[in-house]
């Protein structure tokens, strides 16, 4: 369920960005997220100085991996869609998707290890909760604007 919600949120935000002013909207959302997380984690100055570079590096790498996956899927749609795939091409696409999942999993494991070097374990758990809450609020905001 959470994966579906995350994918839906990413898709919604991506479509929203594609409609114009993408960079401005992305920066606004990022600023709101930084403020929200900072407040929820109650970071000390020292923690914030160590935390944000780790967080931003993870966020950038995660975006890059997701972007590459979406690019592969979009390329397939542009090349005739999934129905026109041969079995070999479908298998290649499945392999790429597995590679993406493996890369994301490895990235998340490294990220957690890095986080635990700069934050106490309870704040790492609070971070996950804060991110989930922020994503739900963002989704509600988007739905509110859509209606």
N, C-alpha and C. Protein backbone atom coordinates (compact mmCIF):
# COMPACT_ATOMS: atom_id res chain seq x y z
N UNK A 1 0.83 -1.19 0.00
CA UNK A 1 0.00 0.00 0.00
C UNK A 1 0.87 1.26 0.00
N UNK A 2 1.90 1.24 0.86
CA UNK A 2 2.76 2.42 0.97
C UNK A 2 3.53 2.64 -0.32
N UNK A 3 3.97 1.55 -0.97
CA UNK A 3 4.68 1.67 -2.24
C UNK A 3 3.78 2.28 -3.30
N UNK A 4 2.51 1.86 -3.30
CA UNK A 4 1.57 2.41 -4.27
C UNK A 4 1.36 3.89 -4.02
N UNK A 5 1.24 4.27 -2.75
CA UNK A 5 1.05 5.67 -2.41
C UNK A 5 2.27 6.49 -2.80
N UNK A 6 3.45 5.95 -2.54
CA UNK A 6 4.67 6.66 -2.89
C UNK A 6 4.78 6.82 -4.40
N UNK A 7 4.50 5.75 -5.13
CA UNK A 7 4.53 5.83 -6.59
C UNK A 7 3.51 6.83 -7.12
N UNK A 8 2.33 6.81 -6.54
CA UNK A 8 1.29 7.75 -6.94
C UNK A 8 1.74 9.18 -6.67
N UNK A 9 2.32 9.41 -5.50
CA UNK A 9 2.80 10.75 -5.16
C UNK A 9 3.88 11.20 -6.12
N UNK A 10 4.81 10.32 -6.43
CA UNK A 10 5.88 10.65 -7.37
C UNK A 10 5.31 10.98 -8.73
N UNK A 11 4.36 10.17 -9.17
CA UNK A 11 3.72 10.41 -10.47
C UNK A 11 3.00 11.76 -10.47
N UNK A 12 2.27 12.04 -9.42
CA UNK A 12 1.52 13.30 -9.33
C UNK A 12 2.47 14.49 -9.33
N UNK A 13 3.50 14.40 -8.52
CA UNK A 13 4.46 15.50 -8.45
C UNK A 13 5.16 15.66 -9.79
N UNK A 14 5.51 14.54 -10.44
CA UNK A 14 6.17 14.59 -11.74
C UNK A 14 5.29 15.27 -12.78
N UNK A 15 4.01 14.88 -12.82
CA UNK A 15 3.08 15.48 -13.76
C UNK A 15 2.91 16.96 -13.45
N UNK A 16 2.81 17.29 -12.18
CA UNK A 16 2.68 18.68 -11.78
C UNK A 16 3.87 19.50 -12.25
N UNK A 17 5.07 18.92 -12.11
CA UNK A 17 6.28 19.62 -12.54
C UNK A 17 6.29 19.79 -14.05
N UNK A 18 5.81 18.80 -14.76
CA UNK A 18 5.84 18.83 -16.22
C UNK A 18 4.92 19.91 -16.78
N UNK A 19 3.97 20.37 -15.99
CA UNK A 19 3.02 21.36 -16.46
C UNK A 19 3.58 22.78 -16.46
N UNK A 20 4.81 22.95 -16.10
CA UNK A 20 5.41 24.27 -16.14
C UNK A 20 5.88 24.70 -14.77
N UNK A 21 6.95 25.50 -14.77
CA UNK A 21 7.50 25.97 -13.52
C UNK A 21 8.06 24.85 -12.68
N UNK A 22 8.53 23.79 -13.35
CA UNK A 22 8.96 22.59 -12.64
C UNK A 22 10.01 22.90 -11.59
N UNK A 23 11.02 23.64 -11.97
CA UNK A 23 12.11 23.90 -11.04
C UNK A 23 11.62 24.71 -9.84
N UNK A 24 10.77 25.68 -10.09
CA UNK A 24 10.25 26.51 -8.99
C UNK A 24 9.39 25.69 -8.03
N UNK A 25 8.53 24.85 -8.58
CA UNK A 25 7.66 24.02 -7.74
C UNK A 25 8.48 23.02 -6.94
N UNK A 26 9.48 22.44 -7.59
CA UNK A 26 10.34 21.47 -6.91
C UNK A 26 11.08 22.13 -5.75
N UNK A 27 11.60 23.32 -5.99
CA UNK A 27 12.32 24.04 -4.94
C UNK A 27 11.39 24.43 -3.79
N UNK A 28 10.17 24.82 -4.11
CA UNK A 28 9.20 25.20 -3.08
C UNK A 28 8.86 23.99 -2.21
N UNK A 29 8.60 22.86 -2.85
CA UNK A 29 8.28 21.64 -2.11
C UNK A 29 9.47 21.22 -1.26
N UNK A 30 10.66 21.33 -1.82
CA UNK A 30 11.86 20.95 -1.06
C UNK A 30 12.04 21.85 0.16
N UNK A 31 11.81 23.13 -0.01
CA UNK A 31 11.93 24.06 1.13
C UNK A 31 10.90 23.74 2.21
N UNK A 32 9.69 23.44 1.80
CA UNK A 32 8.65 23.07 2.76
C UNK A 32 9.02 21.78 3.49
N UNK A 33 9.57 20.83 2.75
CA UNK A 33 9.96 19.56 3.34
C UNK A 33 11.10 19.75 4.34
N UNK A 34 12.08 20.57 4.00
CA UNK A 34 13.20 20.86 4.91
C UNK A 34 12.68 21.48 6.20
N UNK A 35 11.81 22.45 6.08
CA UNK A 35 11.25 23.10 7.26
C UNK A 35 10.46 22.10 8.11
N UNK A 36 9.67 21.28 7.45
CA UNK A 36 8.84 20.31 8.17
C UNK A 36 9.70 19.30 8.91
N UNK A 37 10.69 18.76 8.23
CA UNK A 37 11.56 17.75 8.85
C UNK A 37 12.37 18.36 9.99
N UNK A 38 12.91 19.55 9.77
CA UNK A 38 13.69 20.21 10.80
C UNK A 38 12.86 20.40 12.06
N UNK A 39 11.62 20.83 11.88
CA UNK A 39 10.73 21.04 13.03
C UNK A 39 10.41 19.72 13.73
N UNK A 40 10.07 18.71 12.95
CA UNK A 40 9.65 17.44 13.54
C UNK A 40 10.79 16.71 14.24
N UNK A 41 12.01 16.85 13.72
CA UNK A 41 13.14 16.16 14.34
C UNK A 41 13.77 16.96 15.47
N UNK A 42 13.46 18.25 15.54
CA UNK A 42 14.04 19.12 16.57
C UNK A 42 15.57 18.96 16.55
N UNK A 43 16.15 19.19 15.37
CA UNK A 43 17.59 19.02 15.19
C UNK A 43 18.38 20.11 15.90
N UNK A 44 19.46 19.70 16.56
CA UNK A 44 20.40 20.68 17.10
C UNK A 44 21.18 21.25 15.92
N UNK A 45 21.89 22.34 16.12
CA UNK A 45 22.70 22.93 15.06
C UNK A 45 23.74 21.94 14.57
N UNK A 46 24.37 21.25 15.49
CA UNK A 46 25.39 20.26 15.13
C UNK A 46 24.78 19.11 14.33
N UNK A 47 23.62 18.63 14.78
CA UNK A 47 22.95 17.54 14.06
C UNK A 47 22.55 17.98 12.65
N UNK A 48 22.01 19.19 12.55
CA UNK A 48 21.57 19.70 11.25
C UNK A 48 22.74 19.81 10.27
N UNK A 49 23.88 20.27 10.77
CA UNK A 49 25.05 20.42 9.90
C UNK A 49 25.53 19.07 9.35
N UNK A 50 25.36 18.03 10.12
CA UNK A 50 25.77 16.70 9.68
C UNK A 50 24.66 15.99 8.90
N UNK A 51 23.42 16.23 9.32
CA UNK A 51 22.28 15.51 8.75
C UNK A 51 21.97 15.93 7.31
N UNK A 52 21.86 17.23 7.05
CA UNK A 52 21.38 17.68 5.75
C UNK A 52 22.26 17.25 4.58
N UNK A 53 23.58 17.26 4.69
CA UNK A 53 24.38 16.73 3.56
C UNK A 53 24.10 15.25 3.28
N UNK A 54 23.93 14.45 4.33
CA UNK A 54 23.61 13.03 4.15
C UNK A 54 22.24 12.89 3.50
N UNK A 55 21.27 13.62 4.01
CA UNK A 55 19.90 13.56 3.49
C UNK A 55 19.84 13.99 2.03
N UNK A 56 20.50 15.11 1.72
CA UNK A 56 20.45 15.64 0.35
C UNK A 56 21.17 14.73 -0.64
N UNK A 57 22.27 14.13 -0.22
CA UNK A 57 22.98 13.20 -1.11
C UNK A 57 22.10 11.99 -1.41
N UNK A 58 21.42 11.47 -0.38
CA UNK A 58 20.51 10.35 -0.58
C UNK A 58 19.37 10.75 -1.51
N UNK A 59 18.78 11.89 -1.25
CA UNK A 59 17.64 12.37 -2.03
C UNK A 59 18.02 12.53 -3.50
N UNK A 60 19.20 13.10 -3.75
CA UNK A 60 19.66 13.28 -5.14
C UNK A 60 19.88 11.95 -5.83
N UNK A 61 20.52 11.02 -5.14
CA UNK A 61 20.81 9.71 -5.73
C UNK A 61 19.51 8.93 -5.97
N UNK A 62 18.59 9.03 -5.02
CA UNK A 62 17.30 8.35 -5.17
C UNK A 62 16.55 8.91 -6.38
N UNK A 63 16.57 10.23 -6.54
CA UNK A 63 15.92 10.86 -7.68
C UNK A 63 16.55 10.37 -8.99
N UNK A 64 17.86 10.28 -9.01
CA UNK A 64 18.57 9.83 -10.21
C UNK A 64 18.16 8.40 -10.59
N UNK A 65 18.10 7.53 -9.60
CA UNK A 65 17.73 6.14 -9.86
C UNK A 65 16.29 6.07 -10.37
N UNK A 66 15.38 6.78 -9.71
CA UNK A 66 13.97 6.77 -10.14
C UNK A 66 13.82 7.36 -11.54
N UNK A 67 14.57 8.41 -11.81
CA UNK A 67 14.51 9.06 -13.12
C UNK A 67 14.95 8.09 -14.21
N UNK A 68 16.02 7.34 -13.95
CA UNK A 68 16.51 6.37 -14.93
C UNK A 68 15.49 5.26 -15.17
N UNK A 69 14.81 4.83 -14.12
CA UNK A 69 13.79 3.80 -14.28
C UNK A 69 12.63 4.33 -15.11
N UNK A 70 12.18 5.52 -14.78
CA UNK A 70 11.05 6.10 -15.51
C UNK A 70 11.43 6.33 -16.97
N UNK A 71 12.67 6.73 -17.21
CA UNK A 71 13.12 6.96 -18.57
C UNK A 71 13.05 5.66 -19.38
N UNK A 72 13.44 4.55 -18.78
CA UNK A 72 13.38 3.27 -19.46
C UNK A 72 11.94 2.89 -19.80
N UNK A 73 11.03 3.15 -18.87
CA UNK A 73 9.62 2.82 -19.09
C UNK A 73 9.01 3.74 -20.15
N UNK A 74 9.31 5.02 -20.05
CA UNK A 74 8.79 5.98 -21.03
C UNK A 74 9.33 5.65 -22.42
N UNK A 75 10.61 5.31 -22.49
CA UNK A 75 11.19 4.93 -23.79
C UNK A 75 10.43 3.76 -24.40
N UNK A 76 10.02 2.81 -23.57
CA UNK A 76 9.29 1.67 -24.09
C UNK A 76 7.93 2.09 -24.65
N UNK A 77 7.26 3.03 -23.96
CA UNK A 77 5.98 3.53 -24.47
C UNK A 77 6.18 4.23 -25.80
N UNK A 78 7.26 5.00 -25.91
CA UNK A 78 7.53 5.74 -27.15
C UNK A 78 7.90 4.80 -28.28
N UNK A 79 8.40 3.63 -27.95
CA UNK A 79 8.80 2.66 -28.97
C UNK A 79 7.72 1.63 -29.25
N UNK A 80 6.47 1.98 -29.06
CA UNK A 80 5.38 1.08 -29.43
C UNK A 80 4.63 0.45 -28.29
N UNK A 81 4.99 0.77 -27.06
CA UNK A 81 4.26 0.23 -25.93
C UNK A 81 4.68 -1.18 -25.57
N UNK A 82 4.07 -1.68 -24.53
CA UNK A 82 4.44 -2.99 -24.00
C UNK A 82 3.89 -4.14 -24.83
N UNK A 83 2.81 -3.90 -25.52
CA UNK A 83 2.19 -4.97 -26.31
C UNK A 83 3.10 -5.41 -27.45
N UNK A 84 3.93 -4.51 -27.95
CA UNK A 84 4.78 -4.84 -29.09
C UNK A 84 6.12 -5.46 -28.67
N UNK A 85 6.32 -5.67 -27.38
CA UNK A 85 7.57 -6.24 -26.89
C UNK A 85 7.69 -7.71 -27.28
N UNK A 86 8.90 -8.09 -27.64
CA UNK A 86 9.18 -9.52 -27.80
C UNK A 86 9.43 -10.07 -26.40
N UNK A 87 9.45 -11.38 -26.28
CA UNK A 87 9.73 -11.98 -24.97
C UNK A 87 11.10 -11.57 -24.45
N UNK A 88 12.08 -11.50 -25.34
CA UNK A 88 13.43 -11.10 -24.93
C UNK A 88 13.44 -9.65 -24.43
N UNK A 89 12.76 -8.77 -25.14
CA UNK A 89 12.70 -7.36 -24.72
C UNK A 89 11.98 -7.21 -23.38
N UNK A 90 10.91 -7.99 -23.20
CA UNK A 90 10.17 -7.96 -21.94
C UNK A 90 11.07 -8.45 -20.80
N UNK A 91 11.80 -9.49 -21.05
CA UNK A 91 12.73 -10.03 -20.05
C UNK A 91 13.82 -9.02 -19.72
N UNK A 92 14.33 -8.34 -20.73
CA UNK A 92 15.34 -7.29 -20.51
C UNK A 92 14.77 -6.17 -19.65
N UNK A 93 13.53 -5.78 -19.91
CA UNK A 93 12.90 -4.73 -19.13
C UNK A 93 12.70 -5.18 -17.68
N UNK A 94 12.29 -6.42 -17.49
CA UNK A 94 12.12 -6.96 -16.14
C UNK A 94 13.47 -6.97 -15.41
N UNK A 95 14.52 -7.34 -16.11
CA UNK A 95 15.86 -7.35 -15.51
C UNK A 95 16.27 -5.93 -15.10
N UNK A 96 15.99 -4.95 -15.95
CA UNK A 96 16.29 -3.55 -15.60
C UNK A 96 15.51 -3.13 -14.36
N UNK A 97 14.25 -3.55 -14.26
CA UNK A 97 13.44 -3.20 -13.11
C UNK A 97 13.99 -3.85 -11.84
N UNK A 98 14.43 -5.10 -11.94
CA UNK A 98 15.04 -5.77 -10.79
C UNK A 98 16.32 -5.05 -10.37
N UNK A 99 17.13 -4.66 -11.36
CA UNK A 99 18.37 -3.94 -11.07
C UNK A 99 18.07 -2.63 -10.34
N UNK A 100 17.03 -1.95 -10.79
CA UNK A 100 16.60 -0.71 -10.14
C UNK A 100 16.24 -0.98 -8.68
N UNK A 101 15.45 -2.01 -8.44
CA UNK A 101 15.03 -2.34 -7.07
C UNK A 101 16.24 -2.68 -6.20
N UNK A 102 17.18 -3.45 -6.76
CA UNK A 102 18.39 -3.80 -6.02
C UNK A 102 19.21 -2.55 -5.68
N UNK A 103 19.33 -1.67 -6.65
CA UNK A 103 20.09 -0.43 -6.44
C UNK A 103 19.43 0.45 -5.38
N UNK A 104 18.10 0.54 -5.43
CA UNK A 104 17.38 1.33 -4.43
C UNK A 104 17.54 0.73 -3.04
N UNK A 105 17.45 -0.59 -2.95
CA UNK A 105 17.59 -1.26 -1.66
C UNK A 105 18.98 -1.02 -1.07
N UNK A 106 20.01 -1.15 -1.89
CA UNK A 106 21.38 -0.93 -1.43
C UNK A 106 21.57 0.53 -1.00
N UNK A 107 20.99 1.44 -1.76
CA UNK A 107 21.08 2.86 -1.41
C UNK A 107 20.43 3.13 -0.06
N UNK A 108 19.25 2.57 0.17
CA UNK A 108 18.54 2.79 1.43
C UNK A 108 19.30 2.20 2.61
N UNK A 109 19.93 1.07 2.43
CA UNK A 109 20.72 0.47 3.50
C UNK A 109 21.93 1.35 3.85
N UNK A 110 22.62 1.85 2.82
CA UNK A 110 23.76 2.76 3.07
C UNK A 110 23.29 4.03 3.76
N UNK A 111 22.15 4.54 3.31
CA UNK A 111 21.59 5.78 3.86
C UNK A 111 21.30 5.60 5.35
N UNK A 112 20.67 4.49 5.72
CA UNK A 112 20.37 4.25 7.14
C UNK A 112 21.65 4.18 7.97
N UNK A 113 22.66 3.52 7.45
CA UNK A 113 23.94 3.45 8.17
C UNK A 113 24.54 4.84 8.33
N UNK A 114 24.49 5.63 7.27
CA UNK A 114 25.02 6.99 7.33
C UNK A 114 24.22 7.87 8.30
N UNK A 115 22.91 7.70 8.29
CA UNK A 115 22.06 8.47 9.21
C UNK A 115 22.40 8.16 10.67
N UNK A 116 22.60 6.88 10.94
CA UNK A 116 22.89 6.48 12.32
C UNK A 116 24.25 6.99 12.81
N UNK A 117 25.08 7.44 11.90
CA UNK A 117 26.36 8.06 12.29
C UNK A 117 26.17 9.51 12.73
N UNK A 118 25.06 10.13 12.29
CA UNK A 118 24.87 11.56 12.58
C UNK A 118 23.65 11.86 13.46
N UNK A 119 22.75 10.89 13.60
CA UNK A 119 21.54 11.09 14.41
C UNK A 119 21.34 9.91 15.34
N UNK A 120 20.73 10.17 16.50
CA UNK A 120 20.37 9.05 17.37
C UNK A 120 19.27 8.21 16.71
N UNK A 121 19.19 6.92 17.06
CA UNK A 121 18.21 6.03 16.42
C UNK A 121 16.76 6.54 16.50
N UNK A 122 16.38 7.13 17.62
CA UNK A 122 14.99 7.62 17.73
C UNK A 122 14.70 8.72 16.72
N UNK A 123 15.69 9.56 16.44
CA UNK A 123 15.47 10.62 15.44
C UNK A 123 15.42 10.04 14.04
N UNK A 124 16.12 8.96 13.79
CA UNK A 124 16.04 8.31 12.49
C UNK A 124 14.63 7.77 12.27
N UNK A 125 14.06 7.19 13.31
CA UNK A 125 12.68 6.70 13.23
C UNK A 125 11.72 7.89 13.05
N UNK A 126 11.94 8.95 13.80
CA UNK A 126 11.09 10.14 13.66
C UNK A 126 11.20 10.74 12.26
N UNK A 127 12.37 10.64 11.65
CA UNK A 127 12.56 11.13 10.29
C UNK A 127 11.63 10.40 9.33
N UNK A 128 11.60 9.08 9.42
CA UNK A 128 10.73 8.29 8.53
C UNK A 128 9.27 8.69 8.72
N UNK A 129 8.88 8.86 9.98
CA UNK A 129 7.51 9.27 10.28
C UNK A 129 7.23 10.66 9.70
N UNK A 130 8.18 11.58 9.86
CA UNK A 130 8.01 12.94 9.36
C UNK A 130 7.90 12.96 7.84
N UNK A 131 8.72 12.15 7.18
CA UNK A 131 8.65 12.08 5.72
C UNK A 131 7.30 11.54 5.25
N UNK A 132 6.83 10.50 5.91
CA UNK A 132 5.52 9.94 5.56
C UNK A 132 4.40 10.95 5.77
N UNK A 133 4.44 11.65 6.90
CA UNK A 133 3.43 12.67 7.18
C UNK A 133 3.48 13.79 6.13
N UNK A 134 4.69 14.23 5.78
CA UNK A 134 4.83 15.28 4.79
C UNK A 134 4.26 14.84 3.44
N UNK A 135 4.57 13.61 3.04
CA UNK A 135 4.07 13.10 1.76
C UNK A 135 2.54 13.01 1.76
N UNK A 136 1.96 12.59 2.89
CA UNK A 136 0.49 12.55 2.97
C UNK A 136 -0.10 13.95 2.87
N UNK A 137 0.51 14.91 3.55
CA UNK A 137 0.02 16.30 3.49
C UNK A 137 0.14 16.85 2.07
N UNK A 138 1.24 16.55 1.42
CA UNK A 138 1.44 17.01 0.05
C UNK A 138 0.38 16.43 -0.88
N UNK A 139 0.10 15.16 -0.70
CA UNK A 139 -0.91 14.50 -1.51
C UNK A 139 -2.30 15.11 -1.25
N UNK A 140 -2.62 15.35 0.02
CA UNK A 140 -3.91 15.98 0.34
C UNK A 140 -4.00 17.38 -0.28
N UNK A 141 -2.91 18.11 -0.22
CA UNK A 141 -2.87 19.45 -0.80
C UNK A 141 -3.12 19.39 -2.31
N UNK A 142 -2.46 18.45 -2.94
CA UNK A 142 -2.64 18.30 -4.39
C UNK A 142 -4.07 17.92 -4.73
N UNK A 143 -4.63 16.99 -3.97
CA UNK A 143 -6.03 16.60 -4.20
C UNK A 143 -6.98 17.76 -3.98
N UNK A 144 -6.71 18.57 -2.97
CA UNK A 144 -7.54 19.73 -2.69
C UNK A 144 -7.52 20.74 -3.83
N UNK A 145 -6.37 20.94 -4.41
CA UNK A 145 -6.25 21.87 -5.53
C UNK A 145 -6.90 21.33 -6.79
N UNK A 146 -6.83 20.01 -6.94
CA UNK A 146 -7.41 19.37 -8.12
C UNK A 146 -8.93 19.51 -8.12
N UNK A 147 -9.53 19.41 -6.93
CA UNK A 147 -11.00 19.51 -6.82
C UNK A 147 -11.35 20.94 -6.81
